[in-house]
Amino acid sequence: MGKIKIIWDFRGPNGKNTAIHHEKHIKEFFEMEKKTLINSGVETLNEFHHMAFAVVLKTDLEQIKLALKPNRGQISK
């Protein structure tokens, strides 16, 4: 089955803390909705740009996009 990495971008001096906090809410959503969360985390792109991400099944993508409104996504291996 295909996997998609959905991404939320956070910028500014508090971006890292916001991304870490957002990941907690991502995990809560998947637990409440009983959806498969393949992986999640936080990545630092530079000092002022951080992102929270979730790797999800392609079959769940539309429902998750509507509920969580990610900024972008990419195909994941």
PDB file of N, CA and C in Angstrom:
ATOM      1  N   MET A   1       0.834  -1.180   0.000  1.00  0.00           N
ATOM      2  CA  MET A   1       0.000   0.000   0.000  1.00  0.00           C
ATOM      3  C   MET A   1       0.879   1.243   0.000  1.00  0.00           C
ATOM      4  N   GLY A   2       0.434   2.306  -0.659  1.00  0.00           N
ATOM      5  CA  GLY A   2       1.211   3.526  -0.742  1.00  0.00           C
ATOM      6  C   GLY A   2       1.211   4.297   0.566  1.00  0.00           C
ATOM      7  N   LYS A   3       2.304   5.014   0.792  1.00  0.00           N
ATOM      8  CA  LYS A   3       2.436   5.836   1.990  1.00  0.00           C
ATOM      9  C   LYS A   3       2.713   7.278   1.576  1.00  0.00           C
ATOM     10  N   ILE A   4       2.176   8.202   2.353  1.00  0.00           N
ATOM     11  CA  ILE A   4       2.333   9.624   2.111  1.00  0.00           C
ATOM     12  C   ILE A   4       2.856  10.278   3.390  1.00  0.00           C
ATOM     13  N   LYS A   5       3.833  11.171   3.229  1.00  0.00           N
ATOM     14  CA  LYS A   5       4.339  11.962   4.348  1.00  0.00           C
ATOM     15  C   LYS A   5       3.649  13.322   4.272  1.00  0.00           C
ATOM     16  N   ILE A   6       2.826  13.618   5.282  1.00  0.00           N
ATOM     17  CA  ILE A   6       2.160  14.915   5.334  1.00  0.00           C
ATOM     18  C   ILE A   6       2.920  15.809   6.309  1.00  0.00           C
ATOM     19  N   ILE A   7       2.997  17.091   5.971  1.00  0.00           N
ATOM     20  CA  ILE A   7       3.922  17.989   6.649  1.00  0.00           C
ATOM     21  C   ILE A   7       3.234  19.293   7.058  1.00  0.00           C
ATOM     22  N   TRP A   8       3.560  19.742   8.272  1.00  0.00           N
ATOM     23  CA  TRP A   8       3.133  21.041   8.781  1.00  0.00           C
ATOM     24  C   TRP A   8       4.393  21.860   9.038  1.00  0.00           C
ATOM     25  N   ASP A   9       4.476  23.039   8.449  1.00  0.00           N
ATOM     26  CA  ASP A   9       5.649  23.898   8.603  1.00  0.00           C
ATOM     27  C   ASP A   9       5.439  24.902   9.728  1.00  0.00           C
ATOM     28  N   PHE A  10       6.504  25.120  10.504  1.00  0.00           N
ATOM     29  CA  PHE A  10       6.482  26.111  11.583  1.00  0.00           C
ATOM     30  C   PHE A  10       7.749  26.942  11.475  1.00  0.00           C
ATOM     31  N   ARG A  11       7.570  28.238  11.430  1.00  0.00           N
ATOM     32  CA  ARG A  11       8.699  29.147  11.237  1.00  0.00           C
ATOM     33  C   ARG A  11       8.801  30.126  12.401  1.00  0.00           C
ATOM     34  N   GLY A  12       9.991  30.669  12.569  1.00  0.00           N
ATOM     35  CA  GLY A  12      10.219  31.666  13.601  1.00  0.00           C
ATOM     36  C   GLY A  12      11.003  31.104  14.769  1.00  0.00           C
ATOM     37  N   PRO A  13      11.283  31.956  15.746  1.00  0.00           N
ATOM     38  CA  PRO A  13      12.118  31.534  16.874  1.00  0.00           C
ATOM     39  C   PRO A  13      11.481  30.455  17.753  1.00  0.00           C
ATOM     40  N   ASN A  14      10.156  30.340  17.741  1.00  0.00           N
ATOM     41  CA  ASN A  14       9.471  29.311  18.534  1.00  0.00           C
ATOM     42  C   ASN A  14       9.009  28.135  17.688  1.00  0.00           C
ATOM     43  N   GLY A  15       9.452  28.081  16.441  1.00  0.00           N
ATOM     44  CA  GLY A  15       8.998  27.048  15.518  1.00  0.00           C
ATOM     45  C   GLY A  15       9.256  25.628  15.990  1.00  0.00           C
ATOM     46  N   LYS A  16      10.409  25.400  16.586  1.00  0.00           N
ATOM     47  CA  LYS A  16      10.737  24.038  17.026  1.00  0.00           C
ATOM     48  C   LYS A  16       9.793  23.564  18.127  1.00  0.00           C
ATOM     49  N   ASN A  17       9.570  24.416  19.112  1.00  0.00           N
ATOM     50  CA  ASN A  17       8.666  24.039  20.205  1.00  0.00           C
ATOM     51  C   ASN A  17       7.240  23.837  19.701  1.00  0.00           C
ATOM     52  N   THR A  18       6.822  24.664  18.763  1.00  0.00           N
ATOM     53  CA  THR A  18       5.480  24.515  18.199  1.00  0.00           C
ATOM     54  C   THR A  18       5.359  23.207  17.428  1.00  0.00           C
ATOM     55  N   ALA A  19       6.379  22.849  16.661  1.00  0.00           N
ATOM     56  CA  ALA A  19       6.360  21.592  15.910  1.00  0.00           C
ATOM     57  C   ALA A  19       6.307  20.389  16.853  1.00  0.00           C
ATOM     58  N   ILE A  20       7.080  20.437  17.926  1.00  0.00           N
ATOM     59  CA  ILE A  20       7.068  19.344  18.919  1.00  0.00           C
ATOM     60  C   ILE A  20       5.682  19.210  19.533  1.00  0.00           C
ATOM     61  N   HIS A  21       5.082  20.334  19.887  1.00  0.00           N
ATOM     62  CA  HIS A  21       3.740  20.308  20.474  1.00  0.00           C
ATOM     63  C   HIS A  21       2.707  19.796  19.460  1.00  0.00           C
ATOM     64  N   HIS A  22       2.843  20.212  18.215  1.00  0.00           N
ATOM     65  CA  HIS A  22       1.902  19.783  17.184  1.00  0.00           C
ATOM     66  C   HIS A  22       1.970  18.268  16.970  1.00  0.00           C
ATOM     67  N   GLU A  23       3.164  17.702  17.045  1.00  0.00           N
ATOM     68  CA  GLU A  23       3.290  16.247  16.875  1.00  0.00           C
ATOM     69  C   GLU A  23       2.478  15.494  17.936  1.00  0.00           C
ATOM     70  N   LYS A  24       2.423  16.021  19.142  1.00  0.00           N
ATOM     71  CA  LYS A  24       1.617  15.386  20.199  1.00  0.00           C
ATOM     72  C   LYS A  24       0.147  15.331  19.774  1.00  0.00           C
ATOM     73  N   HIS A  25      -0.347  16.420  19.187  1.00  0.00           N
ATOM     74  CA  HIS A  25      -1.736  16.444  18.736  1.00  0.00           C
ATOM     75  C   HIS A  25      -1.967  15.502  17.551  1.00  0.00           C
ATOM     76  N   ILE A  26      -0.979  15.367  16.699  1.00  0.00           N
ATOM     77  CA  ILE A  26      -1.079  14.421  15.585  1.00  0.00           C
ATOM     78  C   ILE A  26      -1.275  13.011  16.128  1.00  0.00           C
ATOM     79  N   LYS A  27      -0.459  12.626  17.085  1.00  0.00           N
ATOM     80  CA  LYS A  27      -0.554  11.277  17.681  1.00  0.00           C
ATOM     81  C   LYS A  27      -1.911  11.080  18.347  1.00  0.00           C
ATOM     82  N   GLU A  28      -2.402  12.089  19.051  1.00  0.00           N
ATOM     83  CA  GLU A  28      -3.712  12.000  19.700  1.00  0.00           C
ATOM     84  C   GLU A  28      -4.816  11.780  18.671  1.00  0.00           C
ATOM     85  N   PHE A  29      -4.755  12.503  17.555  1.00  0.00           N
ATOM     86  CA  PHE A  29      -5.756  12.361  16.508  1.00  0.00           C
ATOM     87  C   PHE A  29      -5.797  10.929  15.984  1.00  0.00           C
ATOM     88  N   PHE A  30      -4.639  10.367  15.675  1.00  0.00           N
ATOM     89  CA  PHE A  30      -4.600   9.020  15.120  1.00  0.00           C
ATOM     90  C   PHE A  30      -5.111   7.991  16.124  1.00  0.00           C
ATOM     91  N   GLU A  31      -4.828   8.200  17.381  1.00  0.00           N
ATOM     92  CA  GLU A  31      -5.324   7.282  18.411  1.00  0.00           C
ATOM     93  C   GLU A  31      -6.848   7.376  18.532  1.00  0.00           C
ATOM     94  N   MET A  32      -7.375   8.599  18.555  1.00  0.00           N
ATOM     95  CA  MET A  32      -8.825   8.785  18.686  1.00  0.00           C
ATOM     96  C   MET A  32      -9.582   8.259  17.471  1.00  0.00           C
ATOM     97  N   GLU A  33      -9.029   8.487  16.291  1.00  0.00           N
ATOM     98  CA  GLU A  33      -9.706   8.084  15.057  1.00  0.00           C
ATOM     99  C   GLU A  33      -9.407   6.639  14.649  1.00  0.00           C
ATOM    100  N   LYS A  34      -8.529   6.001  15.404  1.00  0.00           N
ATOM    101  CA  LYS A  34      -8.140   4.607  15.126  1.00  0.00           C
ATOM    102  C   LYS A  34      -7.626   4.443  13.687  1.00  0.00           C
ATOM    103  N   LYS A  35      -6.778   5.378  13.294  1.00  0.00           N
ATOM    104  CA  LYS A  35      -6.126   5.348  11.984  1.00  0.00           C
ATOM    105  C   LYS A  35      -4.679   4.902  12.163  1.00  0.00           C
ATOM    106  N   THR A  36      -4.106   4.357  11.100  1.00  0.00           N
ATOM    107  CA  THR A  36      -2.736   3.878  11.153  1.00  0.00           C
ATOM    108  C   THR A  36      -1.768   5.051  11.005  1.00  0.00           C
ATOM    109  N   LEU A  37      -0.927   5.237  12.002  1.00  0.00           N
ATOM    110  CA  LEU A  37       0.153   6.220  11.954  1.00  0.00           C
ATOM    111  C   LEU A  37       1.444   5.431  11.810  1.00  0.00           C
ATOM    112  N   ILE A  38       2.035   5.474  10.629  1.00  0.00           N
ATOM    113  CA  ILE A  38       3.238   4.694  10.355  1.00  0.00           C
ATOM    114  C   ILE A  38       4.440   5.296  11.069  1.00  0.00           C
ATOM    115  N   ASN A  39       4.545   6.611  11.030  1.00  0.00           N
ATOM    116  CA  ASN A  39       5.665   7.292  11.669  1.00  0.00           C
ATOM    117  C   ASN A  39       5.289   8.759  11.846  1.00  0.00           C
ATOM    118  N   SER A  40       5.889   9.399  12.833  1.00  0.00           N
ATOM    119  CA  SER A  40       5.725  10.842  13.001  1.00  0.00           C
ATOM    120  C   SER A  40       7.002  11.382  13.615  1.00  0.00           C
ATOM    121  N   GLY A  41       7.145  12.690  13.542  1.00  0.00           N
ATOM    122  CA  GLY A  41       8.338  13.291  14.119  1.00  0.00           C
ATOM    123  C   GLY A  41       8.420  14.765  13.826  1.00  0.00           C
ATOM    124  N   VAL A  42       9.582  15.312  14.173  1.00  0.00           N
ATOM    125  CA  VAL A  42       9.884  16.721  13.951  1.00  0.00           C
ATOM    126  C   VAL A  42      11.234  16.787  13.262  1.00  0.00           C
ATOM    127  N   GLU A  43      11.339  17.622  12.246  1.00  0.00           N
ATOM    128  CA  GLU A  43      12.598  17.824  11.543  1.00  0.00           C
ATOM    129  C   GLU A  43      12.939  19.305  11.532  1.00  0.00           C
ATOM    130  N   THR A  44      14.227  19.606  11.635  1.00  0.00           N
ATOM    131  CA  THR A  44      14.709  20.970  11.567  1.00  0.00           C
ATOM    132  C   THR A  44      15.322  21.198  10.198  1.00  0.00           C
ATOM    133  N   LEU A  45      14.793  22.173   9.477  1.00  0.00           N
ATOM    134  CA  LEU A  45      15.337  22.516   8.166  1.00  0.00           C
ATOM    135  C   LEU A  45      16.405  23.596   8.290  1.00  0.00           C
ATOM    136  N   ASN A  46      16.196  24.549   9.172  1.00  0.00           N
ATOM    137  CA  ASN A  46      17.206  25.528   9.553  1.00  0.00           C
ATOM    138  C   ASN A  46      16.778  26.137  10.880  1.00  0.00           C
ATOM    139  N   GLU A  47      17.524  27.100  11.357  1.00  0.00           N
ATOM    140  CA  GLU A  47      17.276  27.674  12.673  1.00  0.00           C
ATOM    141  C   GLU A  47      15.860  28.209  12.858  1.00  0.00           C
ATOM    142  N   PHE A  48      15.248  28.658  11.757  1.00  0.00           N
ATOM    143  CA  PHE A  48      13.922  29.272  11.853  1.00  0.00           C
ATOM    144  C   PHE A  48      12.843  28.540  11.066  1.00  0.00           C
ATOM    145  N   HIS A  49      13.102  27.310  10.672  1.00  0.00           N
ATOM    146  CA  HIS A  49      12.102  26.535   9.933  1.00  0.00           C
ATOM    147  C   HIS A  49      12.145  25.084  10.405  1.00  0.00           C
ATOM    148  N   HIS A  50      11.065  24.684  11.035  1.00  0.00           N
ATOM    149  CA  HIS A  50      10.920  23.332  11.562  1.00  0.00           C
ATOM    150  C   HIS A  50       9.632  22.750  11.010  1.00  0.00           C
ATOM    151  N   MET A  51       9.539  21.435  11.019  1.00  0.00           N
ATOM    152  CA  MET A  51       8.309  20.822  10.531  1.00  0.00           C
ATOM    153  C   MET A  51       7.950  19.601  11.374  1.00  0.00           C
ATOM    154  N   ALA A  52       6.661  19.431  11.559  1.00  0.00           N
ATOM    155  CA  ALA A  52       6.114  18.208  12.143  1.00  0.00           C
ATOM    156  C   ALA A  52       5.598  17.398  10.963  1.00  0.00           C
ATOM    157  N   PHE A  53       5.717  16.068  11.056  1.00  0.00           N
ATOM    158  CA  PHE A  53       5.245  15.245   9.946  1.00  0.00           C
ATOM    159  C   PHE A  53       4.590  13.977  10.463  1.00  0.00           C
ATOM    160  N   ALA A  54       3.801  13.387   9.584  1.00  0.00           N
ATOM    161  CA  ALA A  54       3.171  12.094   9.842  1.00  0.00           C
ATOM    162  C   ALA A  54       3.212  11.300   8.542  1.00  0.00           C
ATOM    163  N   VAL A  55       3.597  10.041   8.627  1.00  0.00           N
ATOM    164  CA  VAL A  55       3.562   9.151   7.471  1.00  0.00           C
ATOM    165  C   VAL A  55       2.302   8.310   7.619  1.00  0.00           C
ATOM    166  N   VAL A  56       1.442   8.374   6.590  1.00  0.00           N
ATOM    167  CA  VAL A  56       0.127   7.742   6.654  1.00  0.00           C
ATOM    168  C   VAL A  56      -0.105   6.872   5.422  1.00  0.00           C
ATOM    169  N   LEU A  57      -1.107   6.022   5.520  1.00  0.00           N
ATOM    170  CA  LEU A  57      -1.500   5.219   4.369  1.00  0.00           C
ATOM    171  C   LEU A  57      -2.231   6.098   3.365  1.00  0.00           C
ATOM    172  N   LYS A  58      -1.967   5.874   2.104  1.00  0.00           N
ATOM    173  CA  LYS A  58      -2.592   6.663   1.047  1.00  0.00           C
ATOM    174  C   LYS A  58      -4.122   6.560   1.105  1.00  0.00           C
ATOM    175  N   THR A  59      -4.623   5.410   1.531  1.00  0.00           N
ATOM    176  CA  THR A  59      -6.078   5.215   1.609  1.00  0.00           C
ATOM    177  C   THR A  59      -6.732   6.110   2.665  1.00  0.00           C
ATOM    178  N   ASP A  60      -5.972   6.563   3.671  1.00  0.00           N
ATOM    179  CA  ASP A  60      -6.501   7.428   4.732  1.00  0.00           C
ATOM    180  C   ASP A  60      -6.270   8.911   4.456  1.00  0.00           C
ATOM    181  N   LEU A  61      -5.573   9.233   3.389  1.00  0.00           N
ATOM    182  CA  LEU A  61      -5.102  10.591   3.161  1.00  0.00           C
ATOM    183  C   LEU A  61      -6.220  11.627   3.119  1.00  0.00           C
ATOM    184  N   GLU A  62      -7.272  11.395   2.365  1.00  0.00           N
ATOM    185  CA  GLU A  62      -8.314  12.418   2.211  1.00  0.00           C
ATOM    186  C   GLU A  62      -8.953  12.786   3.542  1.00  0.00           C
ATOM    187  N   GLN A  63      -9.291  11.802   4.360  1.00  0.00           N
ATOM    188  CA  GLN A  63      -9.909  12.087   5.656  1.00  0.00           C
ATOM    189  C   GLN A  63      -8.948  12.865   6.553  1.00  0.00           C
ATOM    190  N   ILE A  64      -7.690  12.485   6.535  1.00  0.00           N
ATOM    191  CA  ILE A  64      -6.705  13.146   7.381  1.00  0.00           C
ATOM    192  C   ILE A  64      -6.457  14.579   6.907  1.00  0.00           C
ATOM    193  N   LYS A  65      -6.370  14.774   5.602  1.00  0.00           N
ATOM    194  CA  LYS A  65      -6.174  16.129   5.061  1.00  0.00           C
ATOM    195  C   LYS A  65      -7.314  17.054   5.459  1.00  0.00           C
ATOM    196  N   LEU A  66      -8.529  16.569   5.376  1.00  0.00           N
ATOM    197  CA  LEU A  66      -9.680  17.402   5.733  1.00  0.00           C
ATOM    198  C   LEU A  66      -9.671  17.785   7.210  1.00  0.00           C
ATOM    199  N   ALA A  67      -9.280  16.856   8.053  1.00  0.00           N
ATOM    200  CA  ALA A  67      -9.310  17.097   9.494  1.00  0.00           C
ATOM    201  C   ALA A  67      -8.111  17.904   9.989  1.00  0.00           C
ATOM    202  N   LEU A  68      -6.914  17.617   9.472  1.00  0.00           N
ATOM    203  CA  LEU A  68      -5.694  18.197  10.042  1.00  0.00           C
ATOM    204  C   LEU A  68      -5.052  19.303   9.212  1.00  0.00           C
ATOM    205  N   LYS A  69      -5.452  19.455   7.980  1.00  0.00           N
ATOM    206  CA  LYS A  69      -4.998  20.535   7.103  1.00  0.00           C
ATOM    207  C   LYS A  69      -3.477  20.726   7.077  1.00  0.00           C
ATOM    208  N   PRO A  70      -2.751  19.718   6.586  1.00  0.00           N
ATOM    209  CA  PRO A  70      -1.297  19.877   6.473  1.00  0.00           C
ATOM    210  C   PRO A  70      -0.942  20.930   5.422  1.00  0.00           C
ATOM    211  N   ASN A  71       0.265  21.475   5.505  1.00  0.00           N
ATOM    212  CA  ASN A  71       0.735  22.460   4.537  1.00  0.00           C
ATOM    213  C   ASN A  71       1.124  21.825   3.215  1.00  0.00           C
ATOM    214  N   ARG A  72       1.653  20.609   3.271  1.00  0.00           N
ATOM    215  CA  ARG A  72       2.116  19.939   2.071  1.00  0.00           C
ATOM    216  C   ARG A  72       2.298  18.451   2.333  1.00  0.00           C
ATOM    217  N   GLY A  73       2.645  17.724   1.287  1.00  0.00           N
ATOM    218  CA  GLY A  73       2.866  16.292   1.424  1.00  0.00           C
ATOM    219  C   GLY A  73       3.786  15.792   0.335  1.00  0.00           C
ATOM    220  N   GLN A  74       4.278  14.590   0.523  1.00  0.00           N
ATOM    221  CA  GLN A  74       5.137  13.966  -0.482  1.00  0.00           C
ATOM    222  C   GLN A  74       5.003  12.453  -0.372  1.00  0.00           C
ATOM    223  N   ILE A  75       5.287  11.776  -1.460  1.00  0.00           N
ATOM    224  CA  ILE A  75       5.245  10.315  -1.448  1.00  0.00           C
ATOM    225  C   ILE A  75       6.374   9.807  -0.572  1.00  0.00           C
ATOM    226  N   SER A  76       6.083   8.797   0.242  1.00  0.00           N
ATOM    227  CA  SER A  76       7.070   8.220   1.150  1.00  0.00           C
ATOM    228  C   SER A  76       7.331   6.774   0.766  1.00  0.00           C
ATOM    229  N   LYS A  77       8.539   6.331   0.989  1.00  0.00           N
ATOM    230  CA  LYS A  77       8.901   4.941   0.677  1.00  0.00           C
ATOM    231  C   LYS A  77       8.534   4.013   1.804  1.00  0.00           C
TER     232      LYS A  77
END
